[in-house]
Amino acid sequence: MPRDVERRRRVHRTDWMALLSGVLFVVLGILVVTREITDWLVLWGVMVLGLAFAGLVAIIARGLRRK
């Protein structure tokens, strides 16, 4: 039975760095397992650029949140 008690809902802020990094590693894992990426240098380059992009998005999101 639902209660009639009013509770203030907590707002959960999205951790963009964690979210985008997780998506990046899942996608890279799929690409490695399916052998779409066979060159390790390309894999490292995509990983570094992806993490840099995730960091940039996280910094921008934090800046917009504070305003």
N, C-alpha and C. Protein backbone atom coordinates (compact mmCIF):
# COMPACT_ATOMS: atom_id res chain seq x y z
N MET A 1 0.82 -1.17 0.00
CA MET A 1 0.00 0.00 0.00
C MET A 1 0.87 1.25 0.00
N PRO A 2 0.57 2.20 -0.85
CA PRO A 2 1.37 3.42 -0.86
C PRO A 2 1.07 4.29 0.36
N ARG A 3 2.09 4.92 0.84
CA ARG A 3 1.93 5.84 1.97
C ARG A 3 1.54 7.22 1.47
N ASP A 4 0.90 7.96 2.32
CA ASP A 4 0.52 9.33 1.98
C ASP A 4 1.53 10.34 2.53
N VAL A 5 2.73 9.87 2.79
CA VAL A 5 3.76 10.74 3.36
C VAL A 5 4.45 11.47 2.22
N GLU A 6 4.53 12.77 2.35
CA GLU A 6 5.22 13.59 1.35
C GLU A 6 6.71 13.56 1.63
N ARG A 7 7.47 13.16 0.67
CA ARG A 7 8.92 13.17 0.80
C ARG A 7 9.50 13.99 -0.34
N ARG A 8 10.50 14.73 0.00
CA ARG A 8 11.17 15.52 -1.02
C ARG A 8 12.05 14.59 -1.86
N ARG A 9 11.91 14.69 -3.16
CA ARG A 9 12.70 13.82 -4.03
C ARG A 9 14.09 14.39 -4.20
N ARG A 10 15.06 13.52 -4.14
CA ARG A 10 16.43 13.93 -4.36
C ARG A 10 16.74 13.90 -5.85
N VAL A 11 17.41 14.91 -6.30
CA VAL A 11 17.78 14.98 -7.71
C VAL A 11 19.17 14.40 -7.86
N HIS A 12 19.28 13.41 -8.72
CA HIS A 12 20.57 12.78 -8.96
C HIS A 12 21.20 13.42 -10.19
N ARG A 13 22.36 13.97 -10.01
CA ARG A 13 23.06 14.59 -11.14
C ARG A 13 23.82 13.53 -11.92
N THR A 14 23.81 13.68 -13.22
CA THR A 14 24.48 12.72 -14.09
C THR A 14 25.99 12.93 -14.03
N ASP A 15 26.72 11.86 -13.82
CA ASP A 15 28.18 11.90 -13.87
C ASP A 15 28.59 11.60 -15.31
N TRP A 16 28.78 12.67 -16.07
CA TRP A 16 29.03 12.51 -17.50
C TRP A 16 30.34 11.81 -17.80
N MET A 17 31.36 12.04 -16.99
CA MET A 17 32.65 11.39 -17.21
C MET A 17 32.50 9.88 -17.08
N ALA A 18 31.84 9.43 -16.04
CA ALA A 18 31.67 7.99 -15.83
C ALA A 18 30.78 7.37 -16.91
N LEU A 19 29.71 8.07 -17.25
CA LEU A 19 28.79 7.54 -18.26
C LEU A 19 29.46 7.39 -19.62
N LEU A 20 30.12 8.44 -20.07
CA LEU A 20 30.75 8.40 -21.39
C LEU A 20 31.96 7.46 -21.41
N SER A 21 32.70 7.38 -20.32
CA SER A 21 33.83 6.45 -20.26
C SER A 21 33.34 5.01 -20.31
N GLY A 22 32.26 4.72 -19.61
CA GLY A 22 31.70 3.37 -19.64
C GLY A 22 31.22 2.99 -21.03
N VAL A 23 30.53 3.91 -21.69
CA VAL A 23 30.06 3.65 -23.06
C VAL A 23 31.26 3.44 -23.98
N LEU A 24 32.29 4.25 -23.83
CA LEU A 24 33.48 4.12 -24.65
C LEU A 24 34.12 2.75 -24.49
N PHE A 25 34.29 2.29 -23.26
CA PHE A 25 34.94 1.00 -23.04
C PHE A 25 34.08 -0.16 -23.51
N VAL A 26 32.77 -0.05 -23.39
CA VAL A 26 31.89 -1.11 -23.91
C VAL A 26 32.00 -1.18 -25.44
N VAL A 27 31.96 -0.03 -26.09
CA VAL A 27 32.06 0.00 -27.56
C VAL A 27 33.43 -0.51 -28.01
N LEU A 28 34.49 -0.07 -27.36
CA LEU A 28 35.82 -0.56 -27.74
C LEU A 28 35.95 -2.06 -27.49
N GLY A 29 35.37 -2.55 -26.41
CA GLY A 29 35.39 -3.99 -26.15
C GLY A 29 34.68 -4.77 -27.23
N ILE A 30 33.54 -4.27 -27.68
CA ILE A 30 32.80 -4.93 -28.75
C ILE A 30 33.61 -4.92 -30.04
N LEU A 31 34.25 -3.79 -30.34
CA LEU A 31 35.05 -3.69 -31.56
C LEU A 31 36.26 -4.62 -31.53
N VAL A 32 36.85 -4.81 -30.37
CA VAL A 32 38.00 -5.71 -30.26
C VAL A 32 37.55 -7.16 -30.37
N VAL A 33 36.46 -7.52 -29.72
CA VAL A 33 35.97 -8.90 -29.75
C VAL A 33 35.53 -9.29 -31.17
N THR A 34 34.89 -8.37 -31.88
CA THR A 34 34.45 -8.66 -33.24
C THR A 34 35.56 -8.47 -34.27
N ARG A 35 36.72 -8.10 -33.81
CA ARG A 35 37.91 -7.89 -34.65
C ARG A 35 37.73 -6.81 -35.71
N GLU A 36 36.94 -5.78 -35.37
CA GLU A 36 36.82 -4.62 -36.24
C GLU A 36 38.04 -3.72 -36.10
N ILE A 37 38.63 -3.71 -34.91
CA ILE A 37 39.88 -2.99 -34.68
C ILE A 37 40.94 -4.03 -34.39
N THR A 38 41.94 -4.10 -35.26
CA THR A 38 43.01 -5.07 -35.04
C THR A 38 44.33 -4.39 -34.70
N ASP A 39 44.44 -3.11 -35.01
CA ASP A 39 45.67 -2.36 -34.74
C ASP A 39 45.59 -1.75 -33.34
N TRP A 40 46.51 -2.12 -32.47
CA TRP A 40 46.48 -1.64 -31.09
C TRP A 40 46.77 -0.14 -30.99
N LEU A 41 47.52 0.39 -31.95
CA LEU A 41 47.81 1.82 -31.95
C LEU A 41 46.52 2.62 -32.21
N VAL A 42 45.70 2.14 -33.11
CA VAL A 42 44.41 2.79 -33.38
C VAL A 42 43.52 2.68 -32.15
N LEU A 43 43.53 1.53 -31.51
CA LEU A 43 42.72 1.33 -30.31
C LEU A 43 43.12 2.31 -29.21
N TRP A 44 44.41 2.46 -28.97
CA TRP A 44 44.88 3.40 -27.94
C TRP A 44 44.54 4.84 -28.31
N GLY A 45 44.68 5.18 -29.59
CA GLY A 45 44.34 6.53 -30.03
C GLY A 45 42.87 6.86 -29.84
N VAL A 46 42.01 5.92 -30.22
CA VAL A 46 40.56 6.13 -30.04
C VAL A 46 40.23 6.22 -28.56
N MET A 47 40.88 5.40 -27.74
CA MET A 47 40.60 5.42 -26.31
C MET A 47 41.01 6.76 -25.69
N VAL A 48 42.18 7.25 -26.04
CA VAL A 48 42.66 8.52 -25.48
C VAL A 48 41.77 9.68 -25.93
N LEU A 49 41.42 9.69 -27.21
CA LEU A 49 40.55 10.76 -27.71
C LEU A 49 39.15 10.67 -27.09
N GLY A 50 38.65 9.46 -26.90
CA GLY A 50 37.34 9.29 -26.27
C GLY A 50 37.34 9.75 -24.83
N LEU A 51 38.39 9.43 -24.09
CA LEU A 51 38.48 9.88 -22.70
C LEU A 51 38.65 11.40 -22.62
N ALA A 52 39.39 11.96 -23.56
CA ALA A 52 39.54 13.42 -23.59
C ALA A 52 38.19 14.09 -23.87
N PHE A 53 37.42 13.52 -24.79
CA PHE A 53 36.09 14.05 -25.08
C PHE A 53 35.18 13.93 -23.86
N ALA A 54 35.23 12.79 -23.18
CA ALA A 54 34.40 12.61 -21.98
C ALA A 54 34.79 13.61 -20.90
N GLY A 55 36.07 13.86 -20.74
CA GLY A 55 36.52 14.85 -19.76
C GLY A 55 36.06 16.25 -20.12
N LEU A 56 36.12 16.58 -21.39
CA LEU A 56 35.68 17.90 -21.84
C LEU A 56 34.18 18.08 -21.59
N VAL A 57 33.39 17.07 -21.90
CA VAL A 57 31.95 17.15 -21.65
C VAL A 57 31.68 17.29 -20.16
N ALA A 58 32.42 16.56 -19.33
CA ALA A 58 32.22 16.64 -17.88
C ALA A 58 32.56 18.03 -17.35
N ILE A 59 33.62 18.63 -17.87
CA ILE A 59 34.01 19.97 -17.44
C ILE A 59 32.96 21.00 -17.85
N ILE A 60 32.48 20.89 -19.08
CA ILE A 60 31.45 21.82 -19.55
C ILE A 60 30.16 21.64 -18.76
N ALA A 61 29.77 20.40 -18.48
CA ALA A 61 28.54 20.16 -17.71
C ALA A 61 28.66 20.71 -16.30
N ARG A 62 29.81 20.57 -15.69
CA ARG A 62 30.00 21.11 -14.34
C ARG A 62 29.93 22.63 -14.35
N GLY A 63 30.52 23.25 -15.36
CA GLY A 63 30.47 24.70 -15.48
C GLY A 63 29.06 25.22 -15.69
N LEU A 64 28.28 24.52 -16.50
CA LEU A 64 26.90 24.94 -16.73
C LEU A 64 26.03 24.72 -15.51
N ARG A 65 26.34 23.71 -14.72
CA ARG A 65 25.55 23.40 -13.52
C ARG A 65 25.70 24.45 -12.46
N ARG A 66 26.86 25.08 -12.36
CA ARG A 66 27.13 26.05 -11.30
C ARG A 66 26.50 27.41 -11.58
N LYS A 67 26.12 27.67 -12.81
CA LYS A 67 25.56 28.98 -13.14
C LYS A 67 24.10 29.06 -12.77
